[in-house]
Amino acid sequence: MLHIERMRMTLPAGFEHRASTIGRLVGDAMAGFEPAEQRTLERLSIDPVRISPNATDQEIARSIAERIVSKLRGKV
């Protein structure tokens, strides 16, 4: 099981009001992820995700979740 205690995002101007929804959707997208091993990380950072001004919250969250999973699997 994956437990994220805190998530900090820097969003482009005009997206700030979408942060809580995007954060929740990232959690939803990560719900099925099962780490290969049990470990505790103090911090995990991902590279910036490029998004289109017309991107939905779901698309943004999916992109963030994919980066997190890749990082956890050691592919990034």
Protein backbone atom coordinates (compact mmCIF):
# COMPACT_ATOMS: atom_id res chain seq x y z
CA MET A 1 0.00 0.00 0.00
CA LEU A 2 1.17 3.49 -0.80
CA HIS A 3 0.73 6.26 1.74
CA ILE A 4 1.39 9.87 0.74
CA GLU A 5 1.50 12.11 3.75
CA ARG A 6 1.86 15.41 1.97
CA MET A 7 1.96 16.57 -1.63
CA ARG A 8 3.26 19.92 -2.75
CA MET A 9 2.55 21.10 -6.29
CA THR A 10 3.55 24.22 -8.12
CA LEU A 11 0.93 24.98 -10.72
CA PRO A 12 0.92 27.56 -13.49
CA ALA A 13 -0.85 30.86 -12.91
CA GLY A 14 -4.59 30.40 -13.14
CA PHE A 15 -4.47 26.74 -12.03
CA GLU A 16 -4.15 27.38 -8.28
CA HIS A 17 -7.85 26.82 -7.58
CA ARG A 18 -7.56 23.36 -9.13
CA ALA A 19 -4.85 22.10 -6.76
CA SER A 20 -7.05 20.24 -4.27
CA THR A 21 -9.00 18.47 -7.02
CA ILE A 22 -5.81 17.53 -8.87
CA GLY A 23 -4.26 16.26 -5.61
CA ARG A 24 -7.31 14.09 -4.90
CA LEU A 25 -7.27 12.74 -8.45
CA VAL A 26 -3.56 11.89 -8.15
CA GLY A 27 -4.48 9.86 -5.07
CA ASP A 28 -7.26 8.14 -6.99
CA ALA A 29 -4.89 7.37 -9.88
CA MET A 30 -2.31 5.95 -7.47
CA ALA A 31 -4.85 3.81 -5.56
CA GLY A 32 -4.12 0.66 -7.55
CA PHE A 33 -0.33 0.99 -7.37
CA GLU A 34 1.36 -1.66 -5.25
CA PRO A 35 5.04 -0.96 -4.56
CA ALA A 36 7.36 -3.92 -5.14
CA GLU A 37 8.94 -3.50 -1.72
CA GLN A 38 8.13 -1.83 1.55
CA ARG A 39 10.13 1.31 2.17
CA THR A 40 9.80 4.78 3.59
CA LEU A 41 10.89 7.84 1.66
CA GLU A 42 11.30 11.22 3.28
CA ARG A 43 10.82 12.92 -0.06
CA LEU A 44 10.18 12.11 -3.67
CA SER A 45 10.45 14.74 -6.38
CA ILE A 46 9.41 14.45 -9.99
CA ASP A 47 10.37 16.54 -12.97
CA PRO A 48 7.87 19.18 -14.04
CA VAL A 49 4.90 17.92 -16.01
CA ARG A 50 4.10 19.96 -19.09
CA ILE A 51 0.41 20.55 -19.48
CA SER A 52 -1.73 22.23 -22.04
CA PRO A 53 -3.90 25.17 -20.93
CA ASN A 54 -6.90 23.05 -21.92
CA ALA A 55 -5.86 19.95 -19.96
CA THR A 56 -8.49 18.49 -17.67
CA ASP A 57 -7.78 17.89 -14.00
CA GLN A 58 -7.87 14.15 -14.73
CA GLU A 59 -5.24 14.47 -17.47
CA ILE A 60 -2.97 16.50 -15.20
CA ALA A 61 -3.40 14.06 -12.32
CA ARG A 62 -2.73 11.06 -14.57
CA SER A 63 0.50 12.65 -15.82
CA ILE A 64 1.64 13.36 -12.26
CA ALA A 65 0.74 9.85 -11.10
CA GLU A 66 2.62 8.29 -14.03
CA ARG A 67 5.73 10.26 -13.09
CA ILE A 68 5.45 9.21 -9.45
CA VAL A 69 5.08 5.53 -10.38
CA SER A 70 8.04 5.73 -12.77
CA LYS A 71 10.16 7.33 -10.07
CA LEU A 72 9.15 4.73 -7.50
CA ARG A 73 10.00 1.94 -9.92
CA GLY A 74 13.39 3.54 -10.54
CA LYS A 75 12.77 4.27 -14.19
CA VAL A 76 13.36 8.00 -13.98
